[in-house]
């Protein structure tokens, strides 16, 4: 897969995350006992924007490209695990797998650190 295709997929996934985040926010506001969905919504919305920002920073050359794109992937994978686990627990009564939410949260934290490192690393000479 070309870098351009990867970038488009990451942005498309971030768009889906944003849409799902808004939907979960509406459900959290209208369904009884849906506090988990509020947290899931916030994580999706914040990390959708973070993924888009990381991609754009990498594409503009403001951060190192590979770690910038890896950070975007991490934001999306981490958010999927975290919010998928919370949402499944809300609607099905069980989670994705043991420790899915903490693994997702840790992945998002590490992705923020990767993005910071990508910004501090000297740019590659062309």
N, C-alpha and C. Protein backbone atom coordinates (compact mmCIF):
# COMPACT_ATOMS: atom_id res chain seq x y z
N UNK A 1 0.86 -1.18 0.00
CA UNK A 1 0.00 0.00 0.00
C UNK A 1 0.90 1.24 0.00
N UNK A 2 0.58 2.20 -0.83
CA UNK A 2 1.39 3.41 -0.93
C UNK A 2 1.14 4.31 0.28
N UNK A 3 2.09 5.22 0.50
CA UNK A 3 1.95 6.15 1.62
C UNK A 3 0.69 6.99 1.47
N UNK A 4 0.38 7.42 0.24
CA UNK A 4 -0.83 8.20 0.01
C UNK A 4 -2.09 7.43 0.38
N UNK A 5 -2.11 6.14 0.05
CA UNK A 5 -3.27 5.31 0.40
C UNK A 5 -3.37 5.14 1.91
N UNK A 6 -2.23 4.97 2.57
CA UNK A 6 -2.23 4.85 4.03
C UNK A 6 -2.78 6.12 4.67
N UNK A 7 -2.34 7.25 4.17
CA UNK A 7 -2.81 8.54 4.69
C UNK A 7 -4.32 8.67 4.52
N UNK A 8 -4.83 8.31 3.34
CA UNK A 8 -6.27 8.41 3.10
C UNK A 8 -7.05 7.46 4.01
N UNK A 9 -6.54 6.25 4.22
CA UNK A 9 -7.21 5.30 5.12
C UNK A 9 -7.23 5.85 6.55
N UNK A 10 -6.11 6.39 7.01
CA UNK A 10 -6.06 6.94 8.37
C UNK A 10 -7.05 8.08 8.53
N UNK A 11 -7.13 8.95 7.53
CA UNK A 11 -8.08 10.07 7.61
C UNK A 11 -9.52 9.56 7.55
N UNK A 12 -9.79 8.58 6.69
CA UNK A 12 -11.14 8.02 6.61
C UNK A 12 -11.54 7.37 7.93
N UNK A 13 -10.62 6.62 8.54
CA UNK A 13 -10.92 6.00 9.84
C UNK A 13 -11.18 7.06 10.91
N UNK A 14 -10.41 8.14 10.86
CA UNK A 14 -10.63 9.23 11.82
C UNK A 14 -12.02 9.84 11.62
N UNK A 15 -12.44 9.97 10.36
CA UNK A 15 -13.79 10.46 10.10
C UNK A 15 -14.86 9.54 10.68
N UNK A 16 -14.66 8.25 10.52
CA UNK A 16 -15.60 7.28 11.12
C UNK A 16 -15.58 7.38 12.64
N UNK A 17 -14.39 7.55 13.20
CA UNK A 17 -14.30 7.71 14.66
C UNK A 17 -15.08 8.93 15.12
N UNK A 18 -14.94 10.03 14.40
CA UNK A 18 -15.66 11.25 14.76
C UNK A 18 -17.16 11.05 14.70
N UNK A 19 -17.63 10.43 13.63
CA UNK A 19 -19.07 10.17 13.53
C UNK A 19 -19.58 9.28 14.64
N UNK A 20 -18.83 8.22 14.94
CA UNK A 20 -19.22 7.32 16.03
C UNK A 20 -19.17 8.03 17.38
N UNK A 21 -18.20 8.93 17.53
CA UNK A 21 -18.10 9.69 18.78
C UNK A 21 -19.32 10.56 19.01
N UNK A 22 -19.80 11.20 17.96
CA UNK A 22 -21.01 12.02 18.08
C UNK A 22 -22.22 11.14 18.39
N UNK A 23 -22.32 10.00 17.72
CA UNK A 23 -23.44 9.09 17.97
C UNK A 23 -23.43 8.59 19.41
N UNK A 24 -22.24 8.24 19.92
CA UNK A 24 -22.15 7.78 21.31
C UNK A 24 -22.48 8.89 22.29
N UNK A 25 -22.11 10.13 21.95
CA UNK A 25 -22.46 11.26 22.83
C UNK A 25 -23.98 11.41 22.91
N UNK A 26 -24.65 11.26 21.78
CA UNK A 26 -26.12 11.36 21.78
C UNK A 26 -26.73 10.23 22.61
N UNK A 27 -26.19 9.02 22.46
CA UNK A 27 -26.71 7.90 23.25
C UNK A 27 -26.46 8.11 24.73
N UNK A 28 -25.29 8.63 25.07
CA UNK A 28 -24.97 8.88 26.48
C UNK A 28 -25.93 9.90 27.08
N UNK A 29 -26.38 10.84 26.26
CA UNK A 29 -27.30 11.87 26.75
C UNK A 29 -28.73 11.37 26.88
N UNK A 30 -29.09 10.35 26.11
CA UNK A 30 -30.49 9.95 26.07
C UNK A 30 -30.80 8.57 26.65
N UNK A 31 -29.81 7.72 26.79
CA UNK A 31 -30.06 6.39 27.34
C UNK A 31 -29.82 6.39 28.85
N UNK A 32 -30.61 5.61 29.57
CA UNK A 32 -30.38 5.52 31.01
C UNK A 32 -29.09 4.75 31.32
N UNK A 33 -28.42 5.13 32.38
CA UNK A 33 -27.21 4.43 32.85
C UNK A 33 -26.19 4.22 31.74
N UNK A 34 -25.87 5.27 31.01
CA UNK A 34 -24.96 5.15 29.86
C UNK A 34 -23.69 5.96 30.06
N UNK A 35 -23.19 6.04 31.29
CA UNK A 35 -22.00 6.83 31.57
C UNK A 35 -20.79 6.34 30.77
N UNK A 36 -20.69 5.04 30.56
CA UNK A 36 -19.56 4.50 29.78
C UNK A 36 -19.51 5.11 28.38
N UNK A 37 -20.68 5.37 27.83
CA UNK A 37 -20.72 5.89 26.46
C UNK A 37 -20.20 7.31 26.37
N UNK A 38 -20.33 8.08 27.42
CA UNK A 38 -19.77 9.43 27.44
C UNK A 38 -18.25 9.38 27.37
N UNK A 39 -17.65 8.49 28.14
CA UNK A 39 -16.19 8.33 28.09
C UNK A 39 -15.75 7.82 26.73
N UNK A 40 -16.48 6.86 26.19
CA UNK A 40 -16.15 6.33 24.87
C UNK A 40 -16.24 7.43 23.81
N UNK A 41 -17.29 8.24 23.88
CA UNK A 41 -17.47 9.33 22.93
C UNK A 41 -16.30 10.30 22.98
N UNK A 42 -15.91 10.70 24.16
CA UNK A 42 -14.79 11.64 24.31
C UNK A 42 -13.50 11.09 23.72
N UNK A 43 -13.22 9.83 24.01
CA UNK A 43 -11.98 9.23 23.49
C UNK A 43 -12.00 9.17 21.96
N UNK A 44 -13.15 8.83 21.39
CA UNK A 44 -13.23 8.78 19.93
C UNK A 44 -13.05 10.16 19.31
N UNK A 45 -13.75 11.15 19.86
CA UNK A 45 -13.67 12.49 19.29
C UNK A 45 -12.27 13.09 19.43
N UNK A 46 -11.68 12.98 20.61
CA UNK A 46 -10.34 13.55 20.82
C UNK A 46 -9.31 12.88 19.93
N UNK A 47 -9.37 11.56 19.87
CA UNK A 47 -8.33 10.84 19.15
C UNK A 47 -8.57 10.81 17.64
N UNK A 48 -9.79 11.06 17.19
CA UNK A 48 -10.01 11.26 15.75
C UNK A 48 -9.26 12.51 15.30
N UNK A 49 -9.42 13.57 16.07
CA UNK A 49 -8.71 14.81 15.74
C UNK A 49 -7.20 14.65 15.88
N UNK A 50 -6.77 13.92 16.90
CA UNK A 50 -5.34 13.69 17.08
C UNK A 50 -4.76 12.90 15.91
N UNK A 51 -5.50 11.91 15.43
CA UNK A 51 -5.02 11.12 14.29
C UNK A 51 -4.90 11.99 13.04
N UNK A 52 -5.91 12.82 12.79
CA UNK A 52 -5.86 13.71 11.63
C UNK A 52 -4.68 14.67 11.77
N UNK A 53 -4.50 15.22 12.95
CA UNK A 53 -3.39 16.15 13.17
C UNK A 53 -2.05 15.46 12.95
N UNK A 54 -1.89 14.27 13.47
CA UNK A 54 -0.63 13.54 13.31
C UNK A 54 -0.34 13.27 11.84
N UNK A 55 -1.36 12.87 11.10
CA UNK A 55 -1.19 12.63 9.66
C UNK A 55 -0.78 13.91 8.95
N UNK A 56 -1.48 14.99 9.23
CA UNK A 56 -1.17 16.26 8.55
C UNK A 56 0.22 16.77 8.94
N UNK A 57 0.59 16.63 10.19
CA UNK A 57 1.93 17.04 10.61
C UNK A 57 3.01 16.23 9.90
N UNK A 58 2.76 14.93 9.76
CA UNK A 58 3.71 14.06 9.07
C UNK A 58 3.79 14.43 7.59
N UNK A 59 2.65 14.68 6.98
CA UNK A 59 2.63 15.01 5.56
C UNK A 59 3.27 16.37 5.28
N UNK A 60 3.17 17.30 6.19
CA UNK A 60 3.78 18.62 6.03
C UNK A 60 5.26 18.62 6.38
N UNK A 61 5.74 17.53 6.95
CA UNK A 61 7.14 17.45 7.34
C UNK A 61 7.45 18.15 8.64
N UNK A 62 6.44 18.45 9.44
CA UNK A 62 6.65 19.11 10.73
C UNK A 62 7.02 18.13 11.82
N UNK A 63 6.73 16.86 11.60
CA UNK A 63 7.21 15.77 12.46
C UNK A 63 7.76 14.70 11.52
N UNK A 64 8.61 13.84 12.06
CA UNK A 64 9.12 12.73 11.25
C UNK A 64 7.94 11.90 10.75
N UNK A 65 7.98 11.54 9.47
CA UNK A 65 6.82 10.92 8.83
C UNK A 65 6.45 9.57 9.43
N UNK A 66 7.40 8.64 9.51
CA UNK A 66 7.05 7.30 9.98
C UNK A 66 6.51 7.31 11.40
N UNK A 67 7.21 7.92 12.37
CA UNK A 67 6.62 7.92 13.71
C UNK A 67 5.33 8.74 13.79
N UNK A 68 5.19 9.77 12.97
CA UNK A 68 3.94 10.53 12.97
C UNK A 68 2.77 9.68 12.51
N UNK A 69 2.99 8.90 11.45
CA UNK A 69 1.93 8.01 10.95
C UNK A 69 1.69 6.85 11.92
N UNK A 70 2.74 6.38 12.57
CA UNK A 70 2.56 5.33 13.60
C UNK A 70 1.74 5.85 14.77
N UNK A 71 1.97 7.10 15.14
CA UNK A 71 1.17 7.70 16.22
C UNK A 71 -0.30 7.75 15.82
N UNK A 72 -0.56 8.14 14.58
CA UNK A 72 -1.96 8.19 14.10
C UNK A 72 -2.59 6.80 14.16
N UNK A 73 -1.84 5.78 13.72
CA UNK A 73 -2.34 4.40 13.80
C UNK A 73 -2.62 4.02 15.26
N UNK A 74 -1.71 4.38 16.14
CA UNK A 74 -1.88 4.07 17.55
C UNK A 74 -3.10 4.75 18.16
N UNK A 75 -3.33 6.02 17.77
CA UNK A 75 -4.53 6.71 18.26
C UNK A 75 -5.78 5.95 17.83
N UNK A 76 -5.79 5.48 16.59
CA UNK A 76 -6.98 4.82 16.08
C UNK A 76 -7.15 3.42 16.66
N UNK A 77 -6.09 2.65 16.74
CA UNK A 77 -6.17 1.30 17.31
C UNK A 77 -6.51 1.38 18.80
N UNK A 78 -5.84 2.28 19.50
CA UNK A 78 -6.10 2.43 20.94
C UNK A 78 -7.53 2.85 21.21
N UNK A 79 -8.02 3.81 20.43
CA UNK A 79 -9.40 4.27 20.61
C UNK A 79 -10.39 3.16 20.29
N UNK A 80 -10.10 2.38 19.26
CA UNK A 80 -10.97 1.25 18.91
C UNK A 80 -11.06 0.25 20.06
N UNK A 81 -9.92 -0.10 20.63
CA UNK A 81 -9.92 -1.06 21.75
C UNK A 81 -10.65 -0.49 22.96
N UNK A 82 -10.31 0.75 23.33
CA UNK A 82 -10.89 1.37 24.52
C UNK A 82 -12.40 1.54 24.37
N UNK A 83 -12.80 2.18 23.28
CA UNK A 83 -14.22 2.48 23.12
C UNK A 83 -15.03 1.25 22.73
N UNK A 84 -14.41 0.35 21.98
CA UNK A 84 -15.10 -0.89 21.65
C UNK A 84 -15.42 -1.70 22.89
N UNK A 85 -14.47 -1.75 23.82
CA UNK A 85 -14.69 -2.48 25.06
C UNK A 85 -15.80 -1.84 25.89
N UNK A 86 -15.74 -0.51 26.05
CA UNK A 86 -16.77 0.17 26.84
C UNK A 86 -18.15 0.06 26.21
N UNK A 87 -18.20 0.21 24.90
CA UNK A 87 -19.49 0.15 24.20
C UNK A 87 -20.09 -1.25 24.24
N UNK A 88 -19.26 -2.24 24.04
CA UNK A 88 -19.74 -3.63 24.11
C UNK A 88 -20.23 -3.96 25.52
N UNK A 89 -19.50 -3.48 26.54
CA UNK A 89 -19.96 -3.70 27.92
C UNK A 89 -21.32 -3.04 28.16
N UNK A 90 -21.53 -1.86 27.58
CA UNK A 90 -22.80 -1.15 27.75
C UNK A 90 -23.96 -1.92 27.12
N UNK A 91 -23.77 -2.38 25.90
CA UNK A 91 -24.89 -2.96 25.16
C UNK A 91 -24.99 -4.47 25.26
N UNK A 92 -23.86 -5.17 25.46
CA UNK A 92 -23.90 -6.63 25.47
C UNK A 92 -23.65 -7.22 26.85
N UNK A 93 -23.11 -6.42 27.76
CA UNK A 93 -22.84 -6.91 29.10
C UNK A 93 -21.49 -7.60 29.25
N UNK A 94 -20.68 -7.60 28.21
CA UNK A 94 -19.33 -8.17 28.28
C UNK A 94 -18.41 -7.34 27.40
N UNK A 95 -17.09 -7.43 27.65
CA UNK A 95 -16.13 -6.64 26.90
C UNK A 95 -15.54 -7.39 25.72
N UNK A 96 -14.64 -6.73 25.01
CA UNK A 96 -13.96 -7.34 23.86
C UNK A 96 -13.15 -8.56 24.29
N UNK A 97 -12.25 -8.34 25.23
CA UNK A 97 -11.40 -9.38 25.81
C UNK A 97 -10.81 -8.78 27.08
N UNK A 98 -10.28 -9.61 27.98
CA UNK A 98 -9.74 -9.07 29.22
C UNK A 98 -8.66 -8.02 28.95
N UNK A 99 -8.76 -6.91 29.63
CA UNK A 99 -7.79 -5.82 29.57
C UNK A 99 -7.84 -5.04 28.26
N UNK A 100 -8.88 -5.16 27.46
CA UNK A 100 -8.95 -4.44 26.19
C UNK A 100 -8.93 -2.93 26.41
N UNK A 101 -9.74 -2.42 27.34
CA UNK A 101 -9.77 -0.97 27.57
C UNK A 101 -8.42 -0.45 28.09
N UNK A 102 -7.79 -1.09 29.08
CA UNK A 102 -6.48 -0.59 29.51
C UNK A 102 -5.41 -0.70 28.43
N UNK A 103 -5.46 -1.74 27.62
CA UNK A 103 -4.50 -1.85 26.51
C UNK A 103 -4.74 -0.72 25.52
N UNK A 104 -5.99 -0.43 25.23
CA UNK A 104 -6.31 0.69 24.33
C UNK A 104 -5.86 2.02 24.90
N UNK A 105 -6.12 2.23 26.18
CA UNK A 105 -5.68 3.48 26.82
C UNK A 105 -4.17 3.62 26.82
N UNK A 106 -3.48 2.54 27.11
CA UNK A 106 -2.01 2.56 27.10
C UNK A 106 -1.50 2.83 25.69
N UNK A 107 -2.14 2.26 24.70
CA UNK A 107 -1.75 2.49 23.31
C UNK A 107 -1.90 3.96 22.94
N UNK A 108 -2.98 4.58 23.39
CA UNK A 108 -3.17 6.01 23.11
C UNK A 108 -2.11 6.85 23.80
N UNK A 109 -1.80 6.53 25.05
CA UNK A 109 -0.75 7.26 25.78
C UNK A 109 0.58 7.13 25.06
N UNK A 110 0.94 5.91 24.68
CA UNK A 110 2.21 5.70 23.97
C UNK A 110 2.22 6.43 22.63
N UNK A 111 1.08 6.50 21.98
CA UNK A 111 1.00 7.21 20.70
C UNK A 111 1.27 8.70 20.87
N UNK A 112 0.79 9.28 21.96
CA UNK A 112 1.10 10.69 22.25
C UNK A 112 2.61 10.85 22.44
N UNK A 113 3.24 9.92 23.11
CA UNK A 113 4.69 10.00 23.32
C UNK A 113 5.45 9.82 22.01
N UNK A 114 4.98 8.93 21.14
CA UNK A 114 5.60 8.75 19.82
C UNK A 114 5.48 10.04 19.01
N UNK A 115 4.32 10.68 19.08
CA UNK A 115 4.14 11.94 18.35
C UNK A 115 5.09 13.01 18.89
N UNK A 116 5.26 13.06 20.21
CA UNK A 116 6.20 14.02 20.79
C UNK A 116 7.63 13.75 20.32
N UNK A 117 8.00 12.48 20.30
CA UNK A 117 9.35 12.12 19.83
C UNK A 117 9.51 12.46 18.35
N UNK A 118 8.45 12.26 17.57
CA UNK A 118 8.51 12.57 16.13
C UNK A 118 8.72 14.06 15.91
N UNK A 119 8.21 14.87 16.81
CA UNK A 119 8.40 16.32 16.69
C UNK A 119 9.81 16.75 17.11
N UNK A 120 10.40 16.03 18.04
CA UNK A 120 11.72 16.40 18.55
C UNK A 120 12.86 15.83 17.74
N UNK A 121 12.61 14.77 17.00
CA UNK A 121 13.67 14.14 16.21
C UNK A 121 14.05 15.07 15.06
N UNK A 122 15.34 15.14 14.76
CA UNK A 122 15.74 16.01 13.65
C UNK A 122 15.17 15.49 12.33
N UNK A 123 14.81 16.37 11.42
CA UNK A 123 14.25 15.92 10.15
C UNK A 123 15.31 15.20 9.33
N UNK A 124 14.85 14.28 8.51
CA UNK A 124 15.76 13.57 7.59
C UNK A 124 16.19 14.52 6.49
N UNK A 125 17.46 14.45 6.12
CA UNK A 125 17.96 15.25 5.01
C UNK A 125 17.49 14.64 3.71
N UNK A 126 17.03 15.44 2.79
CA UNK A 126 16.53 14.92 1.51
C UNK A 126 17.57 15.05 0.45
